[in-house]
PDB file of N, CA and C in Angstrom:
ATOM      1  N   ALA A   1      -3.539   2.984  16.833  1.00  0.00           N
ATOM      2  CA  ALA A   1      -3.159   3.274  15.450  1.00  0.00           C
ATOM      3  C   ALA A   1      -4.407   3.257  14.573  1.00  0.00           C
ATOM      4  N   VAL A   2      -4.368   4.046  13.541  1.00  0.00           N
ATOM      5  CA  VAL A   2      -5.411   4.060  12.525  1.00  0.00           C
ATOM      6  C   VAL A   2      -5.034   3.034  11.466  1.00  0.00           C
ATOM      7  N   CYS A   3      -6.009   2.286  10.964  1.00  0.00           N
ATOM      8  CA  CYS A   3      -5.754   1.322   9.891  1.00  0.00           C
ATOM      9  C   CYS A   3      -6.449   1.813   8.621  1.00  0.00           C
ATOM     10  N   ILE A   4      -5.698   1.929   7.550  1.00  0.00           N
ATOM     11  CA  ILE A   4      -6.219   2.361   6.256  1.00  0.00           C
ATOM     12  C   ILE A   4      -6.003   1.223   5.270  1.00  0.00           C
ATOM     13  N   THR A   5      -7.060   0.855   4.568  1.00  0.00           N
ATOM     14  CA  THR A   5      -6.949  -0.179   3.542  1.00  0.00           C
ATOM     15  C   THR A   5      -7.418   0.389   2.202  1.00  0.00           C
ATOM     16  N   HIS A   6      -6.800  -0.092   1.142  1.00  0.00           N
ATOM     17  CA  HIS A   6      -7.281   0.251  -0.198  1.00  0.00           C
ATOM     18  C   HIS A   6      -6.963  -0.898  -1.142  1.00  0.00           C
ATOM     19  N   SER A   7      -7.875  -1.113  -2.072  1.00  0.00           N
ATOM     20  CA  SER A   7      -7.778  -2.246  -2.979  1.00  0.00           C
ATOM     21  C   SER A   7      -8.211  -1.825  -4.384  1.00  0.00           C
ATOM     22  N   HIS A   8      -7.281  -1.878  -5.317  1.00  0.00           N
ATOM     23  CA  HIS A   8      -7.548  -1.557  -6.724  1.00  0.00           C
ATOM     24  C   HIS A   8      -8.198  -0.190  -6.892  1.00  0.00           C
ATOM     25  N   VAL A   9      -7.701   0.784  -6.138  1.00  0.00           N
ATOM     26  CA  VAL A   9      -8.219   2.152  -6.227  1.00  0.00           C
ATOM     27  C   VAL A   9      -7.087   3.120  -6.547  1.00  0.00           C
ATOM     28  N   VAL A  10      -6.080   3.166  -5.699  1.00  0.00           N
ATOM     29  CA  VAL A  10      -5.034   4.184  -5.796  1.00  0.00           C
ATOM     30  C   VAL A  10      -4.258   4.061  -7.107  1.00  0.00           C
ATOM     31  N   TYR A  11      -4.046   2.852  -7.598  1.00  0.00           N
ATOM     32  CA  TYR A  11      -3.277   2.700  -8.845  1.00  0.00           C
ATOM     33  C   TYR A  11      -3.993   3.337 -10.034  1.00  0.00           C
ATOM     34  N   GLN A  12      -5.311   3.550  -9.922  1.00  0.00           N
ATOM     35  CA  GLN A  12      -6.072   4.161 -11.006  1.00  0.00           C
ATOM     36  C   GLN A  12      -6.026   5.692 -10.972  1.00  0.00           C
ATOM     37  N   PHE A  13      -5.532   6.264  -9.882  1.00  0.00           N
ATOM     38  CA  PHE A  13      -5.413   7.726  -9.788  1.00  0.00           C
ATOM     39  C   PHE A  13      -4.415   8.234 -10.825  1.00  0.00           C
ATOM     40  N   ARG A  14      -4.629   9.455 -11.288  1.00  0.00           N
ATOM     41  CA  ARG A  14      -3.607  10.115 -12.102  1.00  0.00           C
ATOM     42  C   ARG A  14      -2.330  10.206 -11.265  1.00  0.00           C
ATOM     43  N   LYS A  15      -1.195  10.265 -11.928  1.00  0.00           N
ATOM     44  CA  LYS A  15       0.101  10.291 -11.239  1.00  0.00           C
ATOM     45  C   LYS A  15       0.143  11.380 -10.169  1.00  0.00           C
ATOM     46  N   GLU A  16      -0.354  12.580 -10.488  1.00  0.00           N
ATOM     47  CA  GLU A  16      -0.317  13.694  -9.536  1.00  0.00           C
ATOM     48  C   GLU A  16      -1.149  13.392  -8.295  1.00  0.00           C
ATOM     49  N   LEU A  17      -2.305  12.750  -8.478  1.00  0.00           N
ATOM     50  CA  LEU A  17      -3.158  12.415  -7.340  1.00  0.00           C
ATOM     51  C   LEU A  17      -2.541  11.301  -6.504  1.00  0.00           C
ATOM     52  N   ARG A  18      -1.901  10.312  -7.169  1.00  0.00           N
ATOM     53  CA  ARG A  18      -1.192   9.252  -6.425  1.00  0.00           C
ATOM     54  C   ARG A  18      -0.101   9.863  -5.563  1.00  0.00           C
ATOM     55  N   GLU A  19       0.674  10.778  -6.155  1.00  0.00           N
ATOM     56  CA  GLU A  19       1.747  11.431  -5.398  1.00  0.00           C
ATOM     57  C   GLU A  19       1.176  12.206  -4.216  1.00  0.00           C
ATOM     58  N   ARG A  20       0.054  12.872  -4.411  1.00  0.00           N
ATOM     59  CA  ARG A  20      -0.592  13.624  -3.324  1.00  0.00           C
ATOM     60  C   ARG A  20      -1.078  12.679  -2.227  1.00  0.00           C
ATOM     61  N   PHE A  21      -1.672  11.549  -2.622  1.00  0.00           N
ATOM     62  CA  PHE A  21      -2.142  10.558  -1.651  1.00  0.00           C
ATOM     63  C   PHE A  21      -0.988  10.100  -0.759  1.00  0.00           C
ATOM     64  N   PHE A  22       0.136   9.740  -1.383  1.00  0.00           N
ATOM     65  CA  PHE A  22       1.274   9.261  -0.597  1.00  0.00           C
ATOM     66  C   PHE A  22       1.904  10.379   0.225  1.00  0.00           C
ATOM     67  N   SER A  23       1.870  11.589  -0.259  1.00  0.00           N
ATOM     68  CA  SER A  23       2.363  12.732   0.505  1.00  0.00           C
ATOM     69  C   SER A  23       1.529  12.937   1.766  1.00  0.00           C
ATOM     70  N   VAL A  24       0.214  12.861   1.622  1.00  0.00           N
ATOM     71  CA  VAL A  24      -0.677  13.002   2.784  1.00  0.00           C
ATOM     72  C   VAL A  24      -0.442  11.858   3.765  1.00  0.00           C
ATOM     73  N   MET A  25      -0.319  10.626   3.252  1.00  0.00           N
ATOM     74  CA  MET A  25      -0.053   9.478   4.135  1.00  0.00           C
ATOM     75  C   MET A  25       1.251   9.689   4.904  1.00  0.00           C
ATOM     76  N   ASN A  26       2.307  10.116   4.216  1.00  0.00           N
ATOM     77  CA  ASN A  26       3.596  10.333   4.881  1.00  0.00           C
ATOM     78  C   ASN A  26       3.514  11.462   5.899  1.00  0.00           C
ATOM     79  N   ASP A  27       2.811  12.540   5.565  1.00  0.00           N
ATOM     80  CA  ASP A  27       2.644  13.649   6.514  1.00  0.00           C
ATOM     81  C   ASP A  27       1.894  13.196   7.759  1.00  0.00           C
ATOM     82  N   CYS A  28       0.805  12.470   7.559  1.00  0.00           N
ATOM     83  CA  CYS A  28       0.029  11.980   8.707  1.00  0.00           C
ATOM     84  C   CYS A  28       0.835  10.971   9.519  1.00  0.00           C
ATOM     85  N   GLY A  29       1.573  10.098   8.823  1.00  0.00           N
ATOM     86  CA  GLY A  29       2.379   9.088   9.502  1.00  0.00           C
ATOM     87  C   GLY A  29       3.533   9.663  10.298  1.00  0.00           C
ATOM     88  N   ALA A  30       3.903  10.895  10.010  1.00  0.00           N
ATOM     89  CA  ALA A  30       4.963  11.551  10.785  1.00  0.00           C
ATOM     90  C   ALA A  30       4.461  11.974  12.159  1.00  0.00           C
ATOM     91  N   HIS A  31       3.129  12.054  12.315  1.00  0.00           N
ATOM     92  CA  HIS A  31       2.552  12.575  13.559  1.00  0.00           C
ATOM     93  C   HIS A  31       1.713  11.571  14.335  1.00  0.00           C
ATOM     94  N   ARG A  32       1.374  10.457  13.708  1.00  0.00           N
ATOM     95  CA  ARG A  32       0.593   9.439  14.419  1.00  0.00           C
ATOM     96  C   ARG A  32       0.881   8.075  13.812  1.00  0.00           C
ATOM     97  N   ASP A  33       0.596   7.041  14.568  1.00  0.00           N
ATOM     98  CA  ASP A  33       0.821   5.678  14.090  1.00  0.00           C
ATOM     99  C   ASP A  33      -0.295   5.285  13.119  1.00  0.00           C
ATOM    100  N   ILE A  34       0.102   4.730  11.983  1.00  0.00           N
ATOM    101  CA  ILE A  34      -0.843   4.306  10.948  1.00  0.00           C
ATOM    102  C   ILE A  34      -0.414   2.942  10.430  1.00  0.00           C
ATOM    103  N   ILE A  35      -1.387   2.087  10.202  1.00  0.00           N
ATOM    104  CA  ILE A  35      -1.165   0.813   9.525  1.00  0.00           C
ATOM    105  C   ILE A  35      -1.905   0.902   8.199  1.00  0.00           C
ATOM    106  N   GLU A  36      -1.192   0.658   7.112  1.00  0.00           N
ATOM    107  CA  GLU A  36      -1.788   0.722   5.770  1.00  0.00           C
ATOM    108  C   GLU A  36      -1.669  -0.649   5.119  1.00  0.00           C
ATOM    109  N   ILE A  37      -2.794  -1.178   4.666  1.00  0.00           N
ATOM    110  CA  ILE A  37      -2.816  -2.437   3.936  1.00  0.00           C
ATOM    111  C   ILE A  37      -3.272  -2.120   2.519  1.00  0.00           C
ATOM    112  N   SER A  38      -2.433  -2.452   1.571  1.00  0.00           N
ATOM    113  CA  SER A  38      -2.641  -2.055   0.183  1.00  0.00           C
ATOM    114  C   SER A  38      -2.690  -3.287  -0.713  1.00  0.00           C
ATOM    115  N   TYR A  39      -3.710  -3.363  -1.559  1.00  0.00           N
ATOM    116  CA  TYR A  39      -3.814  -4.412  -2.576  1.00  0.00           C
ATOM    117  C   TYR A  39      -4.009  -3.687  -3.901  1.00  0.00           C
ATOM    118  N   GLU A  40      -2.905  -3.430  -4.603  1.00  0.00           N
ATOM    119  CA  GLU A  40      -2.928  -2.585  -5.795  1.00  0.00           C
ATOM    120  C   GLU A  40      -2.091  -3.199  -6.921  1.00  0.00           C
ATOM    121  N   TRP A  41      -2.430  -2.824  -8.127  1.00  0.00           N
ATOM    122  CA  TRP A  41      -1.661  -3.215  -9.307  1.00  0.00           C
ATOM    123  C   TRP A  41      -0.951  -1.964  -9.802  1.00  0.00           C
ATOM    124  N   TRP A  42       0.252  -1.769  -9.286  1.00  0.00           N
ATOM    125  CA  TRP A  42       0.997  -0.544  -9.554  1.00  0.00           C
ATOM    126  C   TRP A  42       1.517  -0.490 -10.980  1.00  0.00           C
ATOM    127  N   PRO A  43       1.586   0.693 -11.563  1.00  0.00           N
ATOM    128  CA  PRO A  43       2.138   0.843 -12.915  1.00  0.00           C
ATOM    129  C   PRO A  43       3.540   0.229 -12.995  1.00  0.00           C
ATOM    130  N   GLY A  44       3.775  -0.508 -14.076  1.00  0.00           N
ATOM    131  CA  GLY A  44       5.078  -1.127 -14.281  1.00  0.00           C
ATOM    132  C   GLY A  44       5.233  -2.490 -13.632  1.00  0.00           C
ATOM    133  N   ARG A  45       4.253  -2.931 -12.865  1.00  0.00           N
ATOM    134  CA  ARG A  45       4.315  -4.262 -12.229  1.00  0.00           C
ATOM    135  C   ARG A  45       3.490  -5.245 -13.055  1.00  0.00           C
ATOM    136  N   ASP A  46       3.884  -6.518 -13.042  1.00  0.00           N
ATOM    137  CA  ASP A  46       3.171  -7.486 -13.878  1.00  0.00           C
ATOM    138  C   ASP A  46       1.986  -8.148 -13.188  1.00  0.00           C
ATOM    139  N   LYS A  47       1.811  -7.897 -11.884  1.00  0.00           N
ATOM    140  CA  LYS A  47       0.649  -8.437 -11.163  1.00  0.00           C
ATOM    141  C   LYS A  47       0.406  -7.600  -9.908  1.00  0.00           C
ATOM    142  N   PRO A  48      -0.794  -7.668  -9.358  1.00  0.00           N
ATOM    143  CA  PRO A  48      -1.090  -6.917  -8.136  1.00  0.00           C
ATOM    144  C   PRO A  48      -0.247  -7.398  -6.956  1.00  0.00           C
ATOM    145  N   GLU A  49      -0.073  -6.488  -6.002  1.00  0.00           N
ATOM    146  CA  GLU A  49       0.729  -6.788  -4.810  1.00  0.00           C
ATOM    147  C   GLU A  49      -0.050  -6.436  -3.549  1.00  0.00           C
ATOM    148  N   LEU A  50       0.083  -7.285  -2.553  1.00  0.00           N
ATOM    149  CA  LEU A  50      -0.459  -7.026  -1.225  1.00  0.00           C
ATOM    150  C   LEU A  50       0.702  -6.526  -0.374  1.00  0.00           C
ATOM    151  N   GLU A  51       0.563  -5.303   0.144  1.00  0.00           N
ATOM    152  CA  GLU A  51       1.658  -4.683   0.888  1.00  0.00           C
ATOM    153  C   GLU A  51       1.176  -4.179   2.243  1.00  0.00           C
ATOM    154  N   LEU A  52       2.084  -4.161   3.184  1.00  0.00           N
ATOM    155  CA  LEU A  52       1.838  -3.621   4.514  1.00  0.00           C
ATOM    156  C   LEU A  52       2.816  -2.484   4.755  1.00  0.00           C
ATOM    157  N   SER A  53       2.284  -1.340   5.149  1.00  0.00           N
ATOM    158  CA  SER A  53       3.124  -0.207   5.545  1.00  0.00           C
ATOM    159  C   SER A  53       2.749   0.156   6.971  1.00  0.00           C
ATOM    160  N   ILE A  54       3.760   0.339   7.804  1.00  0.00           N
ATOM    161  CA  ILE A  54       3.535   0.720   9.197  1.00  0.00           C
ATOM    162  C   ILE A  54       4.282   2.015   9.459  1.00  0.00           C
ATOM    163  N   PHE A  55       3.524   3.026   9.857  1.00  0.00           N
ATOM    164  CA  PHE A  55       4.090   4.301  10.290  1.00  0.00           C
ATOM    165  C   PHE A  55       4.054   4.267  11.810  1.00  0.00           C
ATOM    166  N   GLU A  56       5.220   4.240  12.439  1.00  0.00           N
ATOM    167  CA  GLU A  56       5.280   4.149  13.897  1.00  0.00           C
ATOM    168  C   GLU A  56       6.361   5.086  14.408  1.00  0.00           C
ATOM    169  N   ASN A  57       5.975   5.946  15.337  1.00  0.00           N
ATOM    170  CA  ASN A  57       6.899   6.933  15.907  1.00  0.00           C
ATOM    171  C   ASN A  57       7.599   7.750  14.817  1.00  0.00           C
ATOM    172  N   GLY A  58       6.862   8.094  13.763  1.00  0.00           N
ATOM    173  CA  GLY A  58       7.406   8.928  12.701  1.00  0.00           C
ATOM    174  C   GLY A  58       8.220   8.201  11.647  1.00  0.00           C
ATOM    175  N   ALA A  59       8.431   6.898  11.814  1.00  0.00           N
ATOM    176  CA  ALA A  59       9.201   6.114  10.841  1.00  0.00           C
ATOM    177  C   ALA A  59       8.262   5.204  10.051  1.00  0.00           C
ATOM    178  N   LYS A  60       8.605   4.973   8.797  1.00  0.00           N
ATOM    179  CA  LYS A  60       7.785   4.126   7.927  1.00  0.00           C
ATOM    180  C   LYS A  60       8.539   2.853   7.571  1.00  0.00           C
ATOM    181  N   GLN A  61       7.849   1.722   7.741  1.00  0.00           N
ATOM    182  CA  GLN A  61       8.380   0.431   7.314  1.00  0.00           C
ATOM    183  C   GLN A  61       7.418  -0.142   6.283  1.00  0.00           C
ATOM    184  N   GLU A  62       7.957  -0.652   5.177  1.00  0.00           N
ATOM    185  CA  GLU A  62       7.128  -1.241   4.126  1.00  0.00           C
ATOM    186  C   GLU A  62       7.520  -2.696   3.932  1.00  0.00           C
ATOM    187  N   GLN A  63       6.507  -3.526   3.680  1.00  0.00           N
ATOM    188  CA  GLN A  63       6.780  -4.943   3.472  1.00  0.00           C
ATOM    189  C   GLN A  63       5.831  -5.495   2.408  1.00  0.00           C
ATOM    190  N   LEU A  64       6.396  -6.112   1.382  1.00  0.00           N
ATOM    191  CA  LEU A  64       5.603  -6.832   0.393  1.00  0.00           C
ATOM    192  C   LEU A  64       5.179  -8.149   1.033  1.00  0.00           C
ATOM    193  N   LEU A  65       3.874  -8.405   1.071  1.00  0.00           N
ATOM    194  CA  LEU A  65       3.365  -9.623   1.693  1.00  0.00           C
ATOM    195  C   LEU A  65       3.095 -10.731   0.685  1.00  0.00           C
ATOM    196  N   ALA A  66       2.536 -10.355  -0.481  1.00  0.00           N
ATOM    197  CA  ALA A  66       2.138 -11.382  -1.446  1.00  0.00           C
ATOM    198  C   ALA A  66       1.919 -10.770  -2.821  1.00  0.00           C
ATOM    199  N   TYR A  67       2.002 -11.633  -3.821  1.00  0.00           N
ATOM    200  CA  TYR A  67       1.545 -11.312  -5.172  1.00  0.00           C
ATOM    201  C   TYR A  67       0.159 -11.931  -5.304  1.00  0.00           C
ATOM    202  N   CYS A  68      -0.717 -11.281  -6.061  1.00  0.00           N
ATOM    203  CA  CYS A  68      -2.110 -11.708  -6.095  1.00  0.00           C
ATOM    204  C   CYS A  68      -2.660 -11.733  -7.509  1.00  0.00           C
ATOM    205  N   SER A  69      -3.713 -12.497  -7.679  1.00  0.00           N
ATOM    206  CA  SER A  69      -4.487 -12.468  -8.911  1.00  0.00           C
ATOM    207  C   SER A  69      -5.282 -11.165  -8.945  1.00  0.00           C
ATOM    208  N   PRO A  70      -5.492 -10.591 -10.123  1.00  0.00           N
ATOM    209  CA  PRO A  70      -6.262  -9.346 -10.203  1.00  0.00           C
ATOM    210  C   PRO A  70      -7.681  -9.469  -9.647  1.00  0.00           C
ATOM    211  N   HIS A  71      -8.250 -10.679  -9.660  1.00  0.00           N
ATOM    212  CA  HIS A  71      -9.630 -10.856  -9.205  1.00  0.00           C
ATOM    213  C   HIS A  71      -9.738 -11.777  -7.991  1.00  0.00           C
ATOM    214  N   GLY A  72      -8.623 -12.021  -7.312  1.00  0.00           N
ATOM    215  CA  GLY A  72      -8.659 -12.766  -6.060  1.00  0.00           C
ATOM    216  C   GLY A  72      -8.673 -14.274  -6.171  1.00  0.00           C
ATOM    217  N   GLU A  73      -8.409 -14.826  -7.357  1.00  0.00           N
ATOM    218  CA  GLU A  73      -8.429 -16.292  -7.487  1.00  0.00           C
ATOM    219  C   GLU A  73      -7.260 -16.962  -6.776  1.00  0.00           C
ATOM    220  N   TRP A  74      -6.149 -16.261  -6.639  1.00  0.00           N
ATOM    221  CA  TRP A  74      -4.985 -16.858  -5.979  1.00  0.00           C
ATOM    222  C   TRP A  74      -4.153 -15.776  -5.299  1.00  0.00           C
ATOM    223  N   LEU A  75      -3.337 -16.226  -4.386  1.00  0.00           N
ATOM    224  CA  LEU A  75      -2.430 -15.353  -3.639  1.00  0.00           C
ATOM    225  C   LEU A  75      -1.143 -16.131  -3.409  1.00  0.00           C
ATOM    226  N   GLN A  76       0.000 -15.526  -3.691  1.00  0.00           N
ATOM    227  CA  GLN A  76       1.300 -16.179  -3.504  1.00  0.00           C
ATOM    228  C   GLN A  76       2.070 -15.401  -2.444  1.00  0.00           C
ATOM    229  N   TRP A  77       2.161 -15.969  -1.240  1.00  0.00           N
ATOM    230  CA  TRP A  77       2.866 -15.298  -0.150  1.00  0.00           C
ATOM    231  C   TRP A  77       4.343 -15.153  -0.484  1.00  0.00           C
ATOM    232  N   VAL A  78       4.921 -14.060  -0.078  1.00  0.00           N
ATOM    233  CA  VAL A  78       6.349 -13.807  -0.248  1.00  0.00           C
ATOM    234  C   VAL A  78       7.029 -14.208   1.050  1.00  0.00           C
ATOM    235  N   SER A  79       8.042 -15.067   0.966  1.00  0.00           N
ATOM    236  CA  SER A  79       8.748 -15.477   2.187  1.00  0.00           C
ATOM    237  C   SER A  79       9.783 -14.425   2.559  1.00  0.00           C
ATOM    238  N   HIS A  80       9.938 -14.205   3.848  1.00  0.00           N
ATOM    239  CA  HIS A  80      10.892 -13.197   4.344  1.00  0.00           C
ATOM    240  C   HIS A  80      11.919 -13.853   5.223  1.00  0.00           C
TER     241      HIS A  80
END
């Protein structure tokens, strides 16, 4: 599997570019296994989130792992 990470980058894209980024990720994930680790402060959220997305056999699973400080001072794991 390919592992893609991004931190405080994608949320700064214009809406159209964010949509294109996720479209490309979904298209690629339909044909190969991808692990995506995301640390972003998404529009409308009150704090950054650490998320894991796994594209496996054409299916996508998403999991919120933690809430985070914008500058890394703290991390609050989400229990599942």
